[in-house]
PDB file of all heavy atoms in Angstrom:
ATOM      1  N   ASN A   1     -59.658-240.976  27.501  1.00  0.00           N
ATOM      2  CA  ASN A   1     -59.354-239.570  27.187  1.00  0.00           C
ATOM      3  C   ASN A   1     -60.313-238.591  27.838  1.00  0.00           C
ATOM      4  O   ASN A   1     -59.907-237.562  28.377  1.00  0.00           O
ATOM      5  CB  ASN A   1     -59.437-239.342  25.680  1.00  0.00           C
ATOM      6  CG  ASN A   1     -58.167-239.706  24.931  1.00  0.00           C
ATOM      7  OD1 ASN A   1     -58.013-239.367  23.769  1.00  0.00           O
ATOM      8  ND2 ASN A   1     -57.235-240.409  25.573  1.00  0.00           N
ATOM      9  N   VAL A   2     -61.615-238.871  27.739  1.00  0.00           N
ATOM     10  CA  VAL A   2     -62.607-237.858  28.115  1.00  0.00           C
ATOM     11  C   VAL A   2     -62.899-237.803  29.605  1.00  0.00           C
ATOM     12  O   VAL A   2     -63.509-236.852  30.078  1.00  0.00           O
ATOM     13  CB  VAL A   2     -63.936-238.021  27.335  1.00  0.00           C
ATOM     14  CG1 VAL A   2     -63.727-237.737  25.868  1.00  0.00           C
ATOM     15  CG2 VAL A   2     -64.537-239.394  27.539  1.00  0.00           C
ATOM     16  N   THR A   3     -62.439-238.817  30.347  1.00  0.00           N
ATOM     17  CA  THR A   3     -62.665-238.823  31.799  1.00  0.00           C
ATOM     18  C   THR A   3     -61.364-238.788  32.599  1.00  0.00           C
ATOM     19  O   THR A   3     -61.393-238.463  33.790  1.00  0.00           O
ATOM     20  CB  THR A   3     -63.440-240.086  32.220  1.00  0.00           C
ATOM     21  OG1 THR A   3     -62.661-241.243  31.850  1.00  0.00           O
ATOM     22  CG2 THR A   3     -64.801-240.159  31.552  1.00  0.00           C
ATOM     23  N   ALA A   4     -60.242-239.130  31.976  1.00  0.00           N
ATOM     24  CA  ALA A   4     -58.958-239.279  32.682  1.00  0.00           C
ATOM     25  C   ALA A   4     -59.092-240.287  33.823  1.00  0.00           C
ATOM     26  O   ALA A   4     -58.436-240.172  34.852  1.00  0.00           O
ATOM     27  CB  ALA A   4     -58.446-237.929  33.202  1.00  0.00           C
ATOM     28  N   ALA A   5     -59.954-241.289  33.621  1.00  0.00           N
ATOM     29  CA  ALA A   5     -60.214-242.306  34.640  1.00  0.00           C
ATOM     30  C   ALA A   5     -60.281-243.677  33.969  1.00  0.00           C
ATOM     31  O   ALA A   5     -60.575-243.783  32.780  1.00  0.00           O
ATOM     32  CB  ALA A   5     -61.521-242.005  35.366  1.00  0.00           C
ATOM     33  N   PRO A   6     -60.021-244.745  34.744  1.00  0.00           N
ATOM     34  CA  PRO A   6     -60.061-246.083  34.151  1.00  0.00           C
ATOM     35  C   PRO A   6     -61.463-246.494  33.720  1.00  0.00           C
ATOM     36  O   PRO A   6     -62.459-246.146  34.365  1.00  0.00           O
ATOM     37  CB  PRO A   6     -59.566-246.983  35.296  1.00  0.00           C
ATOM     38  CG  PRO A   6     -58.853-246.074  36.247  1.00  0.00           C
ATOM     39  CD  PRO A   6     -59.560-244.764  36.152  1.00  0.00           C
ATOM     40  N   ALA A   7     -61.514-247.245  32.610  1.00  0.00           N
ATOM     41  CA  ALA A   7     -62.765-247.853  32.132  1.00  0.00           C
ATOM     42  C   ALA A   7     -62.436-249.271  31.691  1.00  0.00           C
ATOM     43  O   ALA A   7     -61.385-249.514  31.106  1.00  0.00           O
ATOM     44  CB  ALA A   7     -63.348-247.058  30.971  1.00  0.00           C
ATOM     45  N   ALA A   8     -63.335-250.201  31.984  1.00  0.00           N
ATOM     46  CA  ALA A   8     -63.089-251.586  31.601  1.00  0.00           C
ATOM     47  C   ALA A   8     -64.318-252.252  30.987  1.00  0.00           C
ATOM     48  O   ALA A   8     -64.193-253.219  30.243  1.00  0.00           O
ATOM     49  CB  ALA A   8     -62.617-252.397  32.811  1.00  0.00           C
ATOM     50  N   ASP A   9     -65.504-251.748  31.292  1.00  0.00           N
ATOM     51  CA  ASP A   9     -66.730-252.328  30.760  1.00  0.00           C
ATOM     52  C   ASP A   9     -66.867-252.010  29.270  1.00  0.00           C
ATOM     53  O   ASP A   9     -66.791-250.839  28.876  1.00  0.00           O
ATOM     54  CB  ASP A   9     -67.930-251.750  31.526  1.00  0.00           C
ATOM     55  CG  ASP A   9     -69.244-252.128  30.881  1.00  0.00           C
ATOM     56  OD1 ASP A   9     -69.545-253.328  30.845  1.00  0.00           O
ATOM     57  OD2 ASP A   9     -69.948-251.218  30.389  1.00  0.00           O
ATOM     58  N   PRO A  10     -67.053-253.012  28.421  1.00  0.00           N
ATOM     59  CA  PRO A  10     -67.113-252.757  26.974  1.00  0.00           C
ATOM     60  C   PRO A  10     -68.143-251.704  26.566  1.00  0.00           C
ATOM     61  O   PRO A  10     -67.878-250.891  25.677  1.00  0.00           O
ATOM     62  CB  PRO A  10     -67.448-254.135  26.397  1.00  0.00           C
ATOM     63  CG  PRO A  10     -66.822-255.097  27.358  1.00  0.00           C
ATOM     64  CD  PRO A  10     -67.039-254.475  28.707  1.00  0.00           C
ATOM     65  N   GLU A  11     -69.313-251.695  27.206  1.00  0.00           N
ATOM     66  CA  GLU A  11     -70.320-250.698  26.818  1.00  0.00           C
ATOM     67  C   GLU A  11     -69.899-249.296  27.232  1.00  0.00           C
ATOM     68  O   GLU A  11     -70.187-248.317  26.546  1.00  0.00           O
ATOM     69  CB  GLU A  11     -71.689-251.063  27.394  1.00  0.00           C
ATOM     70  CG  GLU A  11     -72.299-252.302  26.748  1.00  0.00           C
ATOM     71  CD  GLU A  11     -72.209-252.286  25.220  1.00  0.00           C
ATOM     72  OE1 GLU A  11     -72.623-251.277  24.600  1.00  0.00           O
ATOM     73  OE2 GLU A  11     -71.704-253.266  24.644  1.00  0.00           O
ATOM     74  N   SER A  12     -69.204-249.180  28.365  1.00  0.00           N
ATOM     75  CA  SER A  12     -68.667-247.873  28.767  1.00  0.00           C
ATOM     76  C   SER A  12     -67.613-247.409  27.767  1.00  0.00           C
ATOM     77  O   SER A  12     -67.570-246.237  27.392  1.00  0.00           O
ATOM     78  CB  SER A  12     -68.041-247.959  30.166  1.00  0.00           C
ATOM     79  OG  SER A  12     -69.016-248.270  31.126  1.00  0.00           O
ATOM     80  N   VAL A  13     -66.770-248.340  27.334  1.00  0.00           N
ATOM     81  CA  VAL A  13     -65.734-248.005  26.351  1.00  0.00           C
ATOM     82  C   VAL A  13     -66.368-247.512  25.055  1.00  0.00           C
ATOM     83  O   VAL A  13     -65.938-246.510  24.471  1.00  0.00           O
ATOM     84  CB  VAL A  13     -64.827-249.230  26.093  1.00  0.00           C
ATOM     85  CG1 VAL A  13     -63.942-249.013  24.876  1.00  0.00           C
ATOM     86  CG2 VAL A  13     -63.983-249.527  27.333  1.00  0.00           C
ATOM     87  N   ARG A  14     -67.421-248.180  24.608  1.00  0.00           N
ATOM     88  CA  ARG A  14     -68.112-247.784  23.377  1.00  0.00           C
ATOM     89  C   ARG A  14     -68.631-246.341  23.503  1.00  0.00           C
ATOM     90  O   ARG A  14     -68.429-245.505  22.620  1.00  0.00           O
ATOM     91  CB  ARG A  14     -69.278-248.738  23.110  1.00  0.00           C
ATOM     92  CG  ARG A  14     -69.841-248.661  21.704  1.00  0.00           C
ATOM     93  CD  ARG A  14     -71.126-249.490  21.559  1.00  0.00           C
ATOM     94  NE  ARG A  14     -71.005-250.838  22.085  1.00  0.00           N
ATOM     95  CZ  ARG A  14     -70.536-251.880  21.390  1.00  0.00           C
ATOM     96  NH1 ARG A  14     -70.147-251.710  20.141  1.00  0.00           N
ATOM     97  NH2 ARG A  14     -70.461-253.081  21.949  1.00  0.00           N
ATOM     98  N   ARG A  15     -69.273-246.040  24.623  1.00  0.00           N
ATOM     99  CA  ARG A  15     -69.830-244.697  24.848  1.00  0.00           C
ATOM    100  C   ARG A  15     -68.725-243.650  24.918  1.00  0.00           C
ATOM    101  O   ARG A  15     -68.843-242.563  24.334  1.00  0.00           O
ATOM    102  CB  ARG A  15     -70.641-244.702  26.151  1.00  0.00           C
ATOM    103  CG  ARG A  15     -71.158-243.343  26.580  1.00  0.00           C
ATOM    104  CD  ARG A  15     -72.017-243.455  27.834  1.00  0.00           C
ATOM    105  NE  ARG A  15     -71.352-244.142  28.927  1.00  0.00           N
ATOM    106  CZ  ARG A  15     -70.442-243.582  29.728  1.00  0.00           C
ATOM    107  NH1 ARG A  15     -70.080-242.318  29.530  1.00  0.00           N
ATOM    108  NH2 ARG A  15     -69.889-244.273  30.709  1.00  0.00           N
ATOM    109  N   LEU A  16     -67.635-243.968  25.598  1.00  0.00           N
ATOM    110  CA  LEU A  16     -66.535-243.009  25.754  1.00  0.00           C
ATOM    111  C   LEU A  16     -65.839-242.720  24.429  1.00  0.00           C
ATOM    112  O   LEU A  16     -65.398-241.599  24.184  1.00  0.00           O
ATOM    113  CB  LEU A  16     -65.528-243.536  26.785  1.00  0.00           C
ATOM    114  CG  LEU A  16     -66.045-243.569  28.230  1.00  0.00           C
ATOM    115  CD1 LEU A  16     -65.121-244.401  29.104  1.00  0.00           C
ATOM    116  CD2 LEU A  16     -66.207-242.166  28.796  1.00  0.00           C
ATOM    117  N   LEU A  17     -65.776-243.715  23.546  1.00  0.00           N
ATOM    118  CA  LEU A  17     -65.173-243.488  22.225  1.00  0.00           C
ATOM    119  C   LEU A  17     -66.017-242.542  21.379  1.00  0.00           C
ATOM    120  O   LEU A  17     -65.480-241.760  20.595  1.00  0.00           O
ATOM    121  CB  LEU A  17     -64.978-244.816  21.492  1.00  0.00           C
ATOM    122  CG  LEU A  17     -63.834-245.698  21.989  1.00  0.00           C
ATOM    123  CD1 LEU A  17     -63.851-247.038  21.266  1.00  0.00           C
ATOM    124  CD2 LEU A  17     -62.477-245.022  21.842  1.00  0.00           C
ATOM    125  N   VAL A  18     -67.323-242.606  21.543  1.00  0.00           N
ATOM    126  CA  VAL A  18     -68.196-241.667  20.824  1.00  0.00           C
ATOM    127  C   VAL A  18     -68.016-240.261  21.415  1.00  0.00           C
ATOM    128  O   VAL A  18     -67.855-239.277  20.679  1.00  0.00           O
ATOM    129  CB  VAL A  18     -69.671-242.117  20.909  1.00  0.00           C
ATOM    130  CG1 VAL A  18     -70.585-241.053  20.290  1.00  0.00           C
ATOM    131  CG2 VAL A  18     -69.860-243.452  20.198  1.00  0.00           C
ATOM    132  N   GLU A  19     -68.029-240.166  22.745  1.00  0.00           N
ATOM    133  CA  GLU A  19     -67.860-238.861  23.400  1.00  0.00           C
ATOM    134  C   GLU A  19     -66.517-238.231  23.054  1.00  0.00           C
ATOM    135  O   GLU A  19     -66.394-237.007  22.954  1.00  0.00           O
ATOM    136  CB  GLU A  19     -67.977-239.022  24.918  1.00  0.00           C
ATOM    137  CG  GLU A  19     -69.375-239.360  25.401  1.00  0.00           C
ATOM    138  CD  GLU A  19     -69.429-239.547  26.913  1.00  0.00           C
ATOM    139  OE1 GLU A  19     -68.436-239.215  27.601  1.00  0.00           O
ATOM    140  OE2 GLU A  19     -70.460-240.032  27.409  1.00  0.00           O
ATOM    141  N   GLN A  20     -65.526-239.076  22.851  1.00  0.00           N
ATOM    142  CA  GLN A  20     -64.156-238.602  22.603  1.00  0.00           C
ATOM    143  C   GLN A  20     -64.041-237.752  21.343  1.00  0.00           C
ATOM    144  O   GLN A  20     -63.206-236.853  21.259  1.00  0.00           O
ATOM    145  CB  GLN A  20     -63.247-239.843  22.508  1.00  0.00           C
ATOM    146  CG  GLN A  20     -61.781-239.570  22.398  1.00  0.00           C
ATOM    147  CD  GLN A  20     -61.155-240.436  21.333  1.00  0.00           C
ATOM    148  OE1 GLN A  20     -61.521-240.377  20.172  1.00  0.00           O
ATOM    149  NE2 GLN A  20     -60.206-241.258  21.747  1.00  0.00           N
ATOM    150  N   VAL A  21     -64.894-237.992  20.339  1.00  0.00           N
ATOM    151  CA  VAL A  21     -64.793-237.261  19.066  1.00  0.00           C
ATOM    152  C   VAL A  21     -65.004-235.765  19.286  1.00  0.00           C
ATOM    153  O   VAL A  21     -64.315-234.933  18.697  1.00  0.00           O
ATOM    154  CB  VAL A  21     -65.813-237.805  18.042  1.00  0.00           C
ATOM    155  CG1 VAL A  21     -65.740-237.007  16.736  1.00  0.00           C
ATOM    156  CG2 VAL A  21     -65.565-239.282  17.762  1.00  0.00           C
ATOM    157  N   MET A  22     -65.953-235.417  20.149  1.00  0.00           N
ATOM    158  CA  MET A  22     -66.251-234.017  20.443  1.00  0.00           C
ATOM    159  C   MET A  22     -65.595-233.537  21.734  1.00  0.00           C
ATOM    160  O   MET A  22     -65.474-232.338  21.956  1.00  0.00           O
ATOM    161  CB  MET A  22     -67.770-233.812  20.574  1.00  0.00           C
ATOM    162  CG  MET A  22     -68.538-234.032  19.297  1.00  0.00           C
ATOM    163  SD  MET A  22     -70.329-234.135  19.588  1.00  0.00           S
ATOM    164  CE  MET A  22     -70.664-232.566  20.369  1.00  0.00           C
ATOM    165  N   GLY A  23     -65.201-234.469  22.590  1.00  0.00           N
ATOM    166  CA  GLY A  23     -64.739-234.121  23.925  1.00  0.00           C
ATOM    167  C   GLY A  23     -63.266-233.755  23.992  1.00  0.00           C
ATOM    168  O   GLY A  23     -62.491-234.024  23.076  1.00  0.00           O
ATOM    169  N   ARG A  24     -62.896-233.156  25.111  1.00  0.00           N
ATOM    170  CA  ARG A  24     -61.512-232.738  25.332  1.00  0.00           C
ATOM    171  C   ARG A  24     -60.627-233.952  25.631  1.00  0.00           C
ATOM    172  O   ARG A  24     -61.032-234.857  26.353  1.00  0.00           O
ATOM    173  CB  ARG A  24     -61.457-231.763  26.518  1.00  0.00           C
ATOM    174  CG  ARG A  24     -60.080-231.190  26.776  1.00  0.00           C
ATOM    175  CD  ARG A  24     -60.153-230.074  27.801  1.00  0.00           C
ATOM    176  NE  ARG A  24     -60.329-230.561  29.159  1.00  0.00           N
ATOM    177  CZ  ARG A  24     -61.346-230.272  29.939  1.00  0.00           C
ATOM    178  NH1 ARG A  24     -62.340-229.530  29.495  1.00  0.00           N
ATOM    179  NH2 ARG A  24     -61.415-230.738  31.167  1.00  0.00           N
ATOM    180  N   VAL A  25     -59.432-233.956  25.063  1.00  0.00           N
ATOM    181  CA  VAL A  25     -58.427-234.968  25.390  1.00  0.00           C
ATOM    182  C   VAL A  25     -57.742-234.525  26.685  1.00  0.00           C
ATOM    183  O   VAL A  25     -56.972-233.570  26.700  1.00  0.00           O
ATOM    184  CB  VAL A  25     -57.393-235.123  24.259  1.00  0.00           C
ATOM    185  CG1 VAL A  25     -56.317-236.136  24.656  1.00  0.00           C
ATOM    186  CG2 VAL A  25     -58.073-235.561  22.970  1.00  0.00           C
ATOM    187  N   ARG A  26     -58.028-235.238  27.759  1.00  0.00           N
ATOM    188  CA  ARG A  26     -57.527-234.839  29.089  1.00  0.00           C
ATOM    189  C   ARG A  26     -56.214-235.579  29.395  1.00  0.00           C
ATOM    190  O   ARG A  26     -56.112-236.345  30.352  1.00  0.00           O
ATOM    191  CB  ARG A  26     -58.609-235.121  30.133  1.00  0.00           C
ATOM    192  CG  ARG A  26     -59.856-234.270  29.905  1.00  0.00           C
ATOM    193  CD  ARG A  26     -61.035-234.696  30.749  1.00  0.00           C
ATOM    194  NE  ARG A  26     -60.797-234.540  32.178  1.00  0.00           N
ATOM    195  CZ  ARG A  26     -61.716-234.782  33.105  1.00  0.00           C
ATOM    196  NH1 ARG A  26     -62.935-235.177  32.747  1.00  0.00           N
ATOM    197  NH2 ARG A  26     -61.424-234.631  34.383  1.00  0.00           N
ATOM    198  N   TRP A  27     -55.212-235.322  28.571  1.00  0.00           N
ATOM    199  CA  TRP A  27     -53.959-236.075  28.694  1.00  0.00           C
ATOM    200  C   TRP A  27     -53.189-235.678  29.956  1.00  0.00           C
ATOM    201  O   TRP A  27     -52.675-236.541  30.667  1.00  0.00           O
ATOM    202  CB  TRP A  27     -53.099-235.875  27.450  1.00  0.00           C
ATOM    203  CG  TRP A  27     -51.946-236.820  27.433  1.00  0.00           C
ATOM    204  CD1 TRP A  27     -50.640-236.549  27.678  1.00  0.00           C
ATOM    205  CD2 TRP A  27     -52.018-238.238  27.206  1.00  0.00           C
ATOM    206  NE1 TRP A  27     -49.893-237.696  27.612  1.00  0.00           N
ATOM    207  CE2 TRP A  27     -50.723-238.754  27.326  1.00  0.00           C
ATOM    208  CE3 TRP A  27     -53.070-239.112  26.914  1.00  0.00           C
ATOM    209  CZ2 TRP A  27     -50.426-240.098  27.165  1.00  0.00           C
ATOM    210  CZ3 TRP A  27     -52.786-240.459  26.748  1.00  0.00           C
ATOM    211  CH2 TRP A  27     -51.474-240.939  26.875  1.00  0.00           C
ATOM    212  N   ARG A  28     -53.096-234.384  30.242  1.00  0.00           N
ATOM    213  CA  ARG A  28     -52.373-233.943  31.443  1.00  0.00           C
ATOM    214  C   ARG A  28     -52.993-234.575  32.694  1.00  0.00           C
ATOM    215  O   ARG A  28     -52.272-235.101  33.552  1.00  0.00           O
ATOM    216  CB  ARG A  28     -52.404-232.419  31.548  1.00  0.00           C
ATOM    217  CG  ARG A  28     -51.753-231.859  32.818  1.00  0.00           C
ATOM    218  CD  ARG A  28     -51.934-230.349  32.931  1.00  0.00           C
ATOM    219  NE  ARG A  28     -53.337-229.955  32.914  1.00  0.00           N
ATOM    220  CZ  ARG A  28     -54.141-229.988  33.982  1.00  0.00           C
ATOM    221  NH1 ARG A  28     -53.693-230.399  35.154  1.00  0.00           N
ATOM    222  NH2 ARG A  28     -55.404-229.610  33.865  1.00  0.00           N
ATOM    223  N   GLU A  29     -54.301-234.561  32.766  1.00  0.00           N
ATOM    224  CA  GLU A  29     -54.972-235.146  33.934  1.00  0.00           C
ATOM    225  C   GLU A  29     -54.773-236.658  33.997  1.00  0.00           C
ATOM    226  O   GLU A  29     -54.640-237.230  35.091  1.00  0.00           O
ATOM    227  CB  GLU A  29     -56.468-234.831  33.887  1.00  0.00           C
ATOM    228  CG  GLU A  29     -56.812-233.367  34.090  1.00  0.00           C
ATOM    229  CD  GLU A  29     -58.293-233.123  33.887  1.00  0.00           C
ATOM    230  OE1 GLU A  29     -59.064-233.388  34.824  1.00  0.00           O
ATOM    231  OE2 GLU A  29     -58.672-232.687  32.777  1.00  0.00           O
ATOM    232  N   SER A  30     -54.766-237.308  32.836  1.00  0.00           N
ATOM    233  CA  SER A  30     -54.573-238.759  32.808  1.00  0.00           C
ATOM    234  C   SER A  30     -53.216-239.141  33.378  1.00  0.00           C
ATOM    235  O   SER A  30     -53.101-240.068  34.198  1.00  0.00           O
ATOM    236  CB  SER A  30     -54.695-239.281  31.368  1.00  0.00           C
ATOM    237  OG  SER A  30     -55.990-239.064  30.857  1.00  0.00           O
ATOM    238  N   ILE A  31     -52.176-238.423  32.950  1.00  0.00           N
ATOM    239  CA  ILE A  31     -50.830-238.734  33.444  1.00  0.00           C
ATOM    240  C   ILE A  31     -50.695-238.340  34.919  1.00  0.00           C
ATOM    241  O   ILE A  31     -50.082-239.067  35.716  1.00  0.00           O
ATOM    242  CB  ILE A  31     -49.762-238.027  32.579  1.00  0.00           C
ATOM    243  CG1 ILE A  31     -49.834-238.527  31.130  1.00  0.00           C
ATOM    244  CG2 ILE A  31     -48.367-238.255  33.157  1.00  0.00           C
ATOM    245  CD1 ILE A  31     -49.706-240.026  30.946  1.00  0.00           C
TER     246      ILE A  31
END
């Protein structure tokens, strides 16, 4: 959501899920 880019590393996923709570949902950019 917060980068509109692929992530696969578990530690990156953990960090991005925390950032996601405050961060913008970049759905248009993701699609």
